[in-house]
Amino acid sequence: MKKAEPDTQSDDGAVSAESATALIDAKIAALADWRGKTLATVRALIRQADPDVVEEVKWRGVPVWSHAGMICTGETYKLAVKLTFAKGAALPDPDGLFNSSLDGNTRRAIDLHEGEHLDTAAFKALIRAAVALNTTPKAKRTST
């Protein structure tokens, strides 16, 4: 995982990668139920799918994973862990992982509820597709 510069906070409230990693660790530890385990599992899958992912924390403690732009956020609610993909509407989802925020023109989300199974291979493929979208020049994206 790439590290950012020493502890700094940007205008949007983001903190450095090292601080973000520690904050995400603390968030997972504080969620001593299925949500913490789910967030930890998802985080591990994201890191496996993209070893160069950058972790950030924005918007009052929301974990964010980026690579040449935002990949997804990991919000926790009482009944769900919500993974919102910044450019989800542009991503292929042959396995139908997206189950929330389906009406928007840009974002798509995966809501994970207690006891639900996440197809790990499909999820990693979705992460890789998001990274590919972020790293492909716009001219190439529109000409295909």
N, C-alpha and C. Protein backbone atom coordinates (compact mmCIF):
# COMPACT_ATOMS: atom_id res chain seq x y z
N MET A 1 0.85 -1.17 0.00
CA MET A 1 0.00 0.00 0.00
C MET A 1 0.89 1.23 0.00
N LYS A 2 0.56 2.19 -0.83
CA LYS A 2 1.34 3.42 -0.91
C LYS A 2 1.08 4.29 0.30
N LYS A 3 2.07 4.99 0.72
CA LYS A 3 1.96 5.90 1.86
C LYS A 3 1.98 7.33 1.36
N ALA A 4 1.26 8.17 2.04
CA ALA A 4 1.22 9.59 1.69
C ALA A 4 2.30 10.33 2.48
N GLU A 5 2.34 11.62 2.29
CA GLU A 5 3.27 12.46 3.03
C GLU A 5 2.93 12.42 4.51
N PRO A 6 3.81 12.96 5.38
CA PRO A 6 3.51 12.96 6.82
C PRO A 6 2.16 13.59 7.12
N ASP A 7 1.67 13.31 8.32
CA ASP A 7 0.33 13.71 8.74
C ASP A 7 -0.06 15.11 8.30
N THR A 8 -0.94 15.16 7.32
CA THR A 8 -1.50 16.43 6.86
C THR A 8 -2.97 16.22 6.61
N GLN A 9 -3.73 17.27 6.71
CA GLN A 9 -5.15 17.20 6.43
C GLN A 9 -5.46 18.14 5.30
N SER A 10 -6.22 17.66 4.30
CA SER A 10 -6.55 18.48 3.15
C SER A 10 -7.82 19.28 3.38
N ASP A 11 -8.17 20.08 2.41
CA ASP A 11 -9.36 20.92 2.51
C ASP A 11 -10.65 20.11 2.67
N ASP A 12 -10.68 18.88 2.10
CA ASP A 12 -11.91 18.09 2.20
C ASP A 12 -11.94 17.23 3.46
N GLY A 13 -10.98 17.44 4.35
CA GLY A 13 -10.98 16.72 5.61
C GLY A 13 -10.21 15.41 5.57
N ALA A 14 -9.59 15.07 4.45
CA ALA A 14 -8.84 13.83 4.34
C ALA A 14 -7.55 13.94 5.15
N VAL A 15 -7.09 12.82 5.66
CA VAL A 15 -5.83 12.77 6.40
C VAL A 15 -4.85 11.90 5.62
N SER A 16 -3.59 11.92 6.02
CA SER A 16 -2.57 11.15 5.32
C SER A 16 -2.89 9.66 5.35
N ALA A 17 -2.23 8.91 4.46
CA ALA A 17 -2.47 7.47 4.37
C ALA A 17 -2.11 6.76 5.67
N GLU A 18 -0.99 7.14 6.29
CA GLU A 18 -0.60 6.50 7.54
C GLU A 18 -1.63 6.76 8.63
N SER A 19 -2.06 7.99 8.75
CA SER A 19 -3.09 8.32 9.74
C SER A 19 -4.40 7.65 9.39
N ALA A 20 -4.73 7.62 8.09
CA ALA A 20 -5.98 7.00 7.65
C ALA A 20 -6.00 5.52 8.00
N THR A 21 -4.89 4.84 7.76
CA THR A 21 -4.82 3.42 8.09
C THR A 21 -5.07 3.20 9.58
N ALA A 22 -4.46 4.02 10.41
CA ALA A 22 -4.67 3.91 11.86
C ALA A 22 -6.12 4.22 12.23
N LEU A 23 -6.71 5.22 11.60
CA LEU A 23 -8.11 5.57 11.89
C LEU A 23 -9.06 4.46 11.45
N ILE A 24 -8.78 3.83 10.32
CA ILE A 24 -9.62 2.73 9.85
C ILE A 24 -9.46 1.53 10.78
N ASP A 25 -8.22 1.26 11.21
CA ASP A 25 -7.99 0.19 12.20
C ASP A 25 -8.84 0.44 13.44
N ALA A 26 -8.83 1.69 13.93
CA ALA A 26 -9.58 2.04 15.14
C ALA A 26 -11.08 1.91 14.92
N LYS A 27 -11.55 2.31 13.75
CA LYS A 27 -12.98 2.21 13.44
C LYS A 27 -13.42 0.75 13.45
N ILE A 28 -12.62 -0.11 12.82
CA ILE A 28 -12.94 -1.54 12.79
C ILE A 28 -12.96 -2.10 14.21
N ALA A 29 -11.98 -1.74 15.01
CA ALA A 29 -11.92 -2.23 16.40
C ALA A 29 -13.11 -1.74 17.22
N ALA A 30 -13.54 -0.51 16.96
CA ALA A 30 -14.67 0.06 17.71
C ALA A 30 -15.99 -0.61 17.34
N LEU A 31 -16.07 -1.11 16.13
CA LEU A 31 -17.28 -1.82 15.69
C LEU A 31 -17.12 -3.29 16.07
N ALA A 32 -17.38 -3.60 17.30
CA ALA A 32 -17.13 -4.94 17.83
C ALA A 32 -18.25 -5.91 17.50
N ASP A 33 -18.82 -5.78 16.32
CA ASP A 33 -19.89 -6.69 15.90
C ASP A 33 -19.64 -7.09 14.45
N TRP A 34 -20.65 -7.59 13.78
CA TRP A 34 -20.53 -8.07 12.41
C TRP A 34 -20.07 -6.97 11.45
N ARG A 35 -20.41 -5.70 11.75
CA ARG A 35 -20.03 -4.60 10.86
C ARG A 35 -18.52 -4.40 10.84
N GLY A 36 -17.87 -4.52 11.99
CA GLY A 36 -16.41 -4.41 12.04
C GLY A 36 -15.75 -5.54 11.28
N LYS A 37 -16.26 -6.74 11.46
CA LYS A 37 -15.71 -7.90 10.74
C LYS A 37 -15.91 -7.75 9.24
N THR A 38 -17.08 -7.28 8.85
CA THR A 38 -17.37 -7.10 7.43
C THR A 38 -16.48 -6.03 6.82
N LEU A 39 -16.34 -4.91 7.51
CA LEU A 39 -15.48 -3.84 7.01
C LEU A 39 -14.03 -4.32 6.91
N ALA A 40 -13.57 -5.09 7.89
CA ALA A 40 -12.21 -5.63 7.85
C ALA A 40 -12.03 -6.59 6.68
N THR A 41 -13.02 -7.41 6.43
CA THR A 41 -12.96 -8.36 5.31
C THR A 41 -12.91 -7.63 3.98
N VAL A 42 -13.79 -6.65 3.82
CA VAL A 42 -13.84 -5.88 2.58
C VAL A 42 -12.52 -5.15 2.35
N ARG A 43 -12.00 -4.57 3.41
CA ARG A 43 -10.72 -3.86 3.33
C ARG A 43 -9.61 -4.80 2.86
N ALA A 44 -9.56 -6.00 3.42
CA ALA A 44 -8.55 -6.98 3.02
C ALA A 44 -8.71 -7.36 1.55
N LEU A 45 -9.94 -7.52 1.10
CA LEU A 45 -10.19 -7.86 -0.31
C LEU A 45 -9.75 -6.73 -1.24
N ILE A 46 -10.01 -5.50 -0.84
CA ILE A 46 -9.59 -4.35 -1.64
C ILE A 46 -8.08 -4.32 -1.75
N ARG A 47 -7.39 -4.55 -0.64
CA ARG A 47 -5.92 -4.56 -0.64
C ARG A 47 -5.37 -5.70 -1.48
N GLN A 48 -6.04 -6.85 -1.46
CA GLN A 48 -5.61 -7.97 -2.29
C GLN A 48 -5.80 -7.67 -3.77
N ALA A 49 -6.93 -7.07 -4.10
CA ALA A 49 -7.23 -6.76 -5.49
C ALA A 49 -6.33 -5.66 -6.04
N ASP A 50 -5.94 -4.72 -5.19
CA ASP A 50 -5.09 -3.60 -5.61
C ASP A 50 -4.07 -3.29 -4.53
N PRO A 51 -2.90 -3.91 -4.60
CA PRO A 51 -1.87 -3.67 -3.58
C PRO A 51 -1.40 -2.21 -3.52
N ASP A 52 -1.67 -1.41 -4.55
CA ASP A 52 -1.27 0.00 -4.56
C ASP A 52 -2.38 0.93 -4.10
N VAL A 53 -3.45 0.38 -3.55
CA VAL A 53 -4.56 1.21 -3.10
C VAL A 53 -4.08 2.18 -2.01
N VAL A 54 -4.67 3.35 -2.00
CA VAL A 54 -4.39 4.35 -0.98
C VAL A 54 -5.62 4.46 -0.09
N GLU A 55 -5.40 4.35 1.22
CA GLU A 55 -6.50 4.49 2.17
C GLU A 55 -6.57 5.94 2.64
N GLU A 56 -7.79 6.43 2.72
CA GLU A 56 -8.04 7.78 3.21
C GLU A 56 -9.22 7.72 4.17
N VAL A 57 -9.37 8.77 4.94
CA VAL A 57 -10.55 8.93 5.78
C VAL A 57 -11.08 10.33 5.51
N LYS A 58 -12.35 10.40 5.13
CA LYS A 58 -12.99 11.68 4.81
C LYS A 58 -14.35 11.76 5.48
N TRP A 59 -14.96 12.91 5.40
CA TRP A 59 -16.35 13.11 5.79
C TRP A 59 -16.67 12.50 7.15
N ARG A 60 -16.03 12.99 8.17
CA ARG A 60 -16.29 12.55 9.55
C ARG A 60 -16.02 11.07 9.77
N GLY A 61 -14.93 10.58 9.23
CA GLY A 61 -14.50 9.22 9.54
C GLY A 61 -14.84 8.13 8.56
N VAL A 62 -15.26 8.46 7.35
CA VAL A 62 -15.62 7.44 6.37
C VAL A 62 -14.35 6.93 5.68
N PRO A 63 -14.10 5.61 5.74
CA PRO A 63 -12.97 5.06 5.01
C PRO A 63 -13.19 5.21 3.50
N VAL A 64 -12.11 5.58 2.81
CA VAL A 64 -12.14 5.76 1.36
C VAL A 64 -10.92 5.05 0.78
N TRP A 65 -11.13 4.30 -0.29
CA TRP A 65 -10.03 3.64 -0.99
C TRP A 65 -9.91 4.27 -2.37
N SER A 66 -8.66 4.65 -2.71
CA SER A 66 -8.41 5.35 -3.97
C SER A 66 -7.22 4.76 -4.70
N HIS A 67 -7.23 4.96 -6.01
CA HIS A 67 -6.10 4.66 -6.88
C HIS A 67 -6.33 5.48 -8.15
N ALA A 68 -5.57 6.55 -8.30
CA ALA A 68 -5.74 7.48 -9.42
C ALA A 68 -7.16 8.04 -9.43
N GLY A 69 -7.74 8.20 -8.27
CA GLY A 69 -9.11 8.65 -8.10
C GLY A 69 -9.81 7.71 -7.13
N MET A 70 -10.96 8.12 -6.66
CA MET A 70 -11.69 7.32 -5.68
C MET A 70 -12.20 6.02 -6.31
N ILE A 71 -12.01 4.94 -5.55
CA ILE A 71 -12.58 3.65 -5.94
C ILE A 71 -13.93 3.50 -5.23
N CYS A 72 -13.87 3.47 -3.89
CA CYS A 72 -15.12 3.31 -3.14
C CYS A 72 -14.96 3.80 -1.70
N THR A 73 -16.09 3.99 -1.06
CA THR A 73 -16.14 4.35 0.35
C THR A 73 -16.69 3.15 1.11
N GLY A 74 -16.47 3.14 2.43
CA GLY A 74 -16.99 2.07 3.27
C GLY A 74 -17.71 2.64 4.47
N GLU A 75 -18.98 2.92 4.31
CA GLU A 75 -19.77 3.49 5.40
C GLU A 75 -20.42 2.38 6.21
N THR A 76 -20.56 2.62 7.51
CA THR A 76 -21.21 1.64 8.36
C THR A 76 -22.46 2.26 8.98
N TYR A 77 -23.53 1.52 8.88
CA TYR A 77 -24.82 1.90 9.45
C TYR A 77 -25.28 0.79 10.39
N LYS A 78 -26.33 1.02 11.11
CA LYS A 78 -26.84 0.04 12.07
C LYS A 78 -27.15 -1.30 11.38
N LEU A 79 -27.74 -1.23 10.19
CA LEU A 79 -28.19 -2.45 9.52
C LEU A 79 -27.38 -2.83 8.29
N ALA A 80 -26.35 -2.05 7.94
CA ALA A 80 -25.61 -2.36 6.71
C ALA A 80 -24.21 -1.75 6.72
N VAL A 81 -23.34 -2.39 5.97
CA VAL A 81 -22.07 -1.81 5.57
C VAL A 81 -22.26 -1.46 4.11
N LYS A 82 -22.13 -0.18 3.78
CA LYS A 82 -22.40 0.31 2.42
C LYS A 82 -21.09 0.64 1.74
N LEU A 83 -20.85 -0.01 0.61
CA LEU A 83 -19.67 0.25 -0.21
C LEU A 83 -20.14 1.00 -1.45
N THR A 84 -19.83 2.29 -1.50
CA THR A 84 -20.29 3.12 -2.61
C THR A 84 -19.13 3.33 -3.57
N PHE A 85 -19.32 2.93 -4.81
CA PHE A 85 -18.32 3.07 -5.85
C PHE A 85 -18.55 4.38 -6.57
N ALA A 86 -17.53 5.23 -6.57
CA ALA A 86 -17.65 6.58 -7.11
C ALA A 86 -18.09 6.59 -8.57
N LYS A 87 -17.60 5.65 -9.37
CA LYS A 87 -17.95 5.58 -10.79
C LYS A 87 -18.64 4.25 -11.10
N GLY A 88 -19.41 3.78 -10.16
CA GLY A 88 -20.03 2.47 -10.27
C GLY A 88 -20.91 2.27 -11.49
N ALA A 89 -21.59 3.31 -11.93
CA ALA A 89 -22.48 3.19 -13.09
C ALA A 89 -21.70 2.88 -14.36
N ALA A 90 -20.42 3.19 -14.38
CA ALA A 90 -19.59 2.94 -15.56
C ALA A 90 -18.87 1.60 -15.48
N LEU A 91 -19.07 0.85 -14.41
CA LEU A 91 -18.36 -0.41 -14.23
C LEU A 91 -19.20 -1.60 -14.65
N PRO A 92 -18.56 -2.61 -15.24
CA PRO A 92 -19.29 -3.85 -15.53
C PRO A 92 -19.58 -4.56 -14.21
N ASP A 93 -20.77 -5.11 -14.09
CA ASP A 93 -21.16 -5.83 -12.88
C ASP A 93 -21.89 -7.11 -13.28
N PRO A 94 -21.18 -8.03 -13.95
CA PRO A 94 -21.85 -9.23 -14.46
C PRO A 94 -22.40 -10.14 -13.37
N ASP A 95 -21.86 -10.02 -12.16
CA ASP A 95 -22.34 -10.86 -11.07
C ASP A 95 -23.43 -10.20 -10.23
N GLY A 96 -23.81 -8.97 -10.58
CA GLY A 96 -24.89 -8.29 -9.89
C GLY A 96 -24.60 -7.94 -8.44
N LEU A 97 -23.38 -7.52 -8.16
CA LEU A 97 -23.04 -7.14 -6.78
C LEU A 97 -23.74 -5.85 -6.35
N PHE A 98 -23.89 -4.91 -7.28
CA PHE A 98 -24.53 -3.65 -6.91
C PHE A 98 -26.00 -3.90 -6.60
N ASN A 99 -26.41 -3.46 -5.41
CA ASN A 99 -27.80 -3.68 -4.99
C ASN A 99 -28.42 -2.42 -4.37
N SER A 100 -27.72 -1.28 -4.51
CA SER A 100 -28.20 -0.04 -3.91
C SER A 100 -27.73 1.14 -4.76
N SER A 101 -28.45 2.24 -4.66
CA SER A 101 -28.12 3.45 -5.43
C SER A 101 -28.06 3.15 -6.93
N LEU A 102 -29.01 2.39 -7.40
CA LEU A 102 -29.00 1.93 -8.78
C LEU A 102 -29.58 2.93 -9.77
N ASP A 103 -30.25 3.98 -9.28
CA ASP A 103 -30.91 4.92 -10.16
C ASP A 103 -30.05 6.10 -10.58
N GLY A 104 -28.92 6.29 -9.93
CA GLY A 104 -28.07 7.44 -10.24
C GLY A 104 -27.29 7.27 -11.53
N ASN A 105 -26.76 8.37 -12.02
CA ASN A 105 -26.00 8.34 -13.25
C ASN A 105 -24.52 8.04 -13.03
N THR A 106 -24.06 8.10 -11.80
CA THR A 106 -22.62 7.95 -11.54
C THR A 106 -22.32 6.84 -10.55
N ARG A 107 -22.84 6.93 -9.36
CA ARG A 107 -22.48 6.00 -8.29
C ARG A 107 -23.37 4.75 -8.30
N ARG A 108 -22.78 3.70 -7.72
CA ARG A 108 -23.52 2.47 -7.43
C ARG A 108 -22.98 1.98 -6.08
N ALA A 109 -23.80 1.22 -5.36
CA ALA A 109 -23.38 0.76 -4.05
C ALA A 109 -23.72 -0.71 -3.84
N ILE A 110 -23.00 -1.28 -2.89
CA ILE A 110 -23.26 -2.63 -2.42
C ILE A 110 -23.60 -2.50 -0.94
N ASP A 111 -24.80 -2.88 -0.57
CA ASP A 111 -25.19 -2.90 0.84
C ASP A 111 -25.02 -4.33 1.34
N LEU A 112 -24.20 -4.48 2.35
CA LEU A 112 -23.98 -5.78 2.97
C LEU A 112 -24.68 -5.79 4.31
N HIS A 113 -25.51 -6.81 4.52
CA HIS A 113 -26.24 -6.94 5.77
C HIS A 113 -25.70 -8.13 6.55
N GLU A 114 -26.01 -8.16 7.83
CA GLU A 114 -25.51 -9.22 8.70
C GLU A 114 -25.84 -10.59 8.13
N GLY A 115 -24.82 -11.45 8.06
CA GLY A 115 -25.02 -12.82 7.60
C GLY A 115 -24.96 -13.00 6.10
N GLU A 116 -24.91 -11.93 5.33
CA GLU A 116 -24.86 -12.05 3.87
C GLU A 116 -23.46 -12.44 3.40
N HIS A 117 -23.44 -13.18 2.30
CA HIS A 117 -22.19 -13.62 1.70
C HIS A 117 -21.82 -12.68 0.55
N LEU A 118 -20.55 -12.30 0.49
CA LEU A 118 -20.04 -11.48 -0.61
C LEU A 118 -19.20 -12.38 -1.50
N ASP A 119 -19.50 -12.40 -2.79
CA ASP A 119 -18.71 -13.16 -3.75
C ASP A 119 -17.35 -12.47 -3.87
N THR A 120 -16.33 -13.05 -3.23
CA THR A 120 -15.03 -12.39 -3.14
C THR A 120 -14.36 -12.23 -4.49
N ALA A 121 -14.47 -13.23 -5.36
CA ALA A 121 -13.85 -13.13 -6.69
C ALA A 121 -14.51 -12.01 -7.50
N ALA A 122 -15.83 -11.93 -7.44
CA ALA A 122 -16.54 -10.88 -8.18
C ALA A 122 -16.23 -9.51 -7.60
N PHE A 123 -16.11 -9.42 -6.28
CA PHE A 123 -15.79 -8.15 -5.64
C PHE A 123 -14.40 -7.67 -6.04
N LYS A 124 -13.43 -8.57 -6.02
CA LYS A 124 -12.07 -8.20 -6.44
C LYS A 124 -12.05 -7.76 -7.90
N ALA A 125 -12.82 -8.43 -8.74
CA ALA A 125 -12.90 -8.05 -10.16
C ALA A 125 -13.49 -6.64 -10.28
N LEU A 126 -14.47 -6.33 -9.46
CA LEU A 126 -15.08 -5.00 -9.47
C LEU A 126 -14.06 -3.93 -9.04
N ILE A 127 -13.27 -4.23 -8.03
CA ILE A 127 -12.22 -3.31 -7.58
C ILE A 127 -11.22 -3.09 -8.71
N ARG A 128 -10.79 -4.17 -9.35
CA ARG A 128 -9.82 -4.04 -10.45
C ARG A 128 -10.40 -3.25 -11.61
N ALA A 129 -11.69 -3.43 -11.87
CA ALA A 129 -12.33 -2.67 -12.95
C ALA A 129 -12.39 -1.18 -12.60
N ALA A 130 -12.63 -0.87 -11.33
CA ALA A 130 -12.65 0.53 -10.90
C ALA A 130 -11.28 1.17 -11.04
N VAL A 131 -10.24 0.43 -10.69
CA VAL A 131 -8.87 0.93 -10.84
C VAL A 131 -8.55 1.13 -12.32
N ALA A 132 -8.94 0.17 -13.15
CA ALA A 132 -8.69 0.29 -14.58
C ALA A 132 -9.40 1.52 -15.16
N LEU A 133 -10.62 1.75 -14.71
CA LEU A 133 -11.35 2.93 -15.18
C LEU A 133 -10.64 4.22 -14.75
N ASN A 134 -10.17 4.24 -13.52
CA ASN A 134 -9.47 5.43 -13.02
C ASN A 134 -8.14 5.67 -13.73
N THR A 135 -7.50 4.62 -14.19
CA THR A 135 -6.17 4.77 -14.77
C THR A 135 -6.17 4.79 -16.30
N THR A 136 -7.32 4.59 -16.91
CA THR A 136 -7.42 4.66 -18.37
C THR A 136 -7.66 6.10 -18.79
N PRO A 137 -6.85 6.60 -19.73
CA PRO A 137 -7.09 7.98 -20.20
C PRO A 137 -8.51 8.15 -20.75
N LYS A 138 -9.09 9.32 -20.52
CA LYS A 138 -10.48 9.58 -20.94
C LYS A 138 -10.67 9.37 -22.44
N ALA A 139 -9.70 9.74 -23.25
CA ALA A 139 -9.83 9.57 -24.70
C ALA A 139 -10.02 8.10 -25.06
N LYS A 140 -9.30 7.20 -24.40
CA LYS A 140 -9.45 5.77 -24.66
C LYS A 140 -10.81 5.26 -24.22
N ARG A 141 -11.32 5.78 -23.09
CA ARG A 141 -12.62 5.34 -22.57
C ARG A 141 -13.74 5.68 -23.52
N THR A 142 -13.70 6.86 -24.12
CA THR A 142 -14.79 7.29 -24.97
C THR A 142 -14.71 6.72 -26.38
N SER A 143 -13.55 6.23 -26.81
CA SER A 143 -13.40 5.73 -28.17
C SER A 143 -13.75 4.26 -28.30
N THR A 144 -14.04 3.58 -27.19
CA THR A 144 -14.35 2.15 -27.27
C THR A 144 -15.80 1.90 -27.42
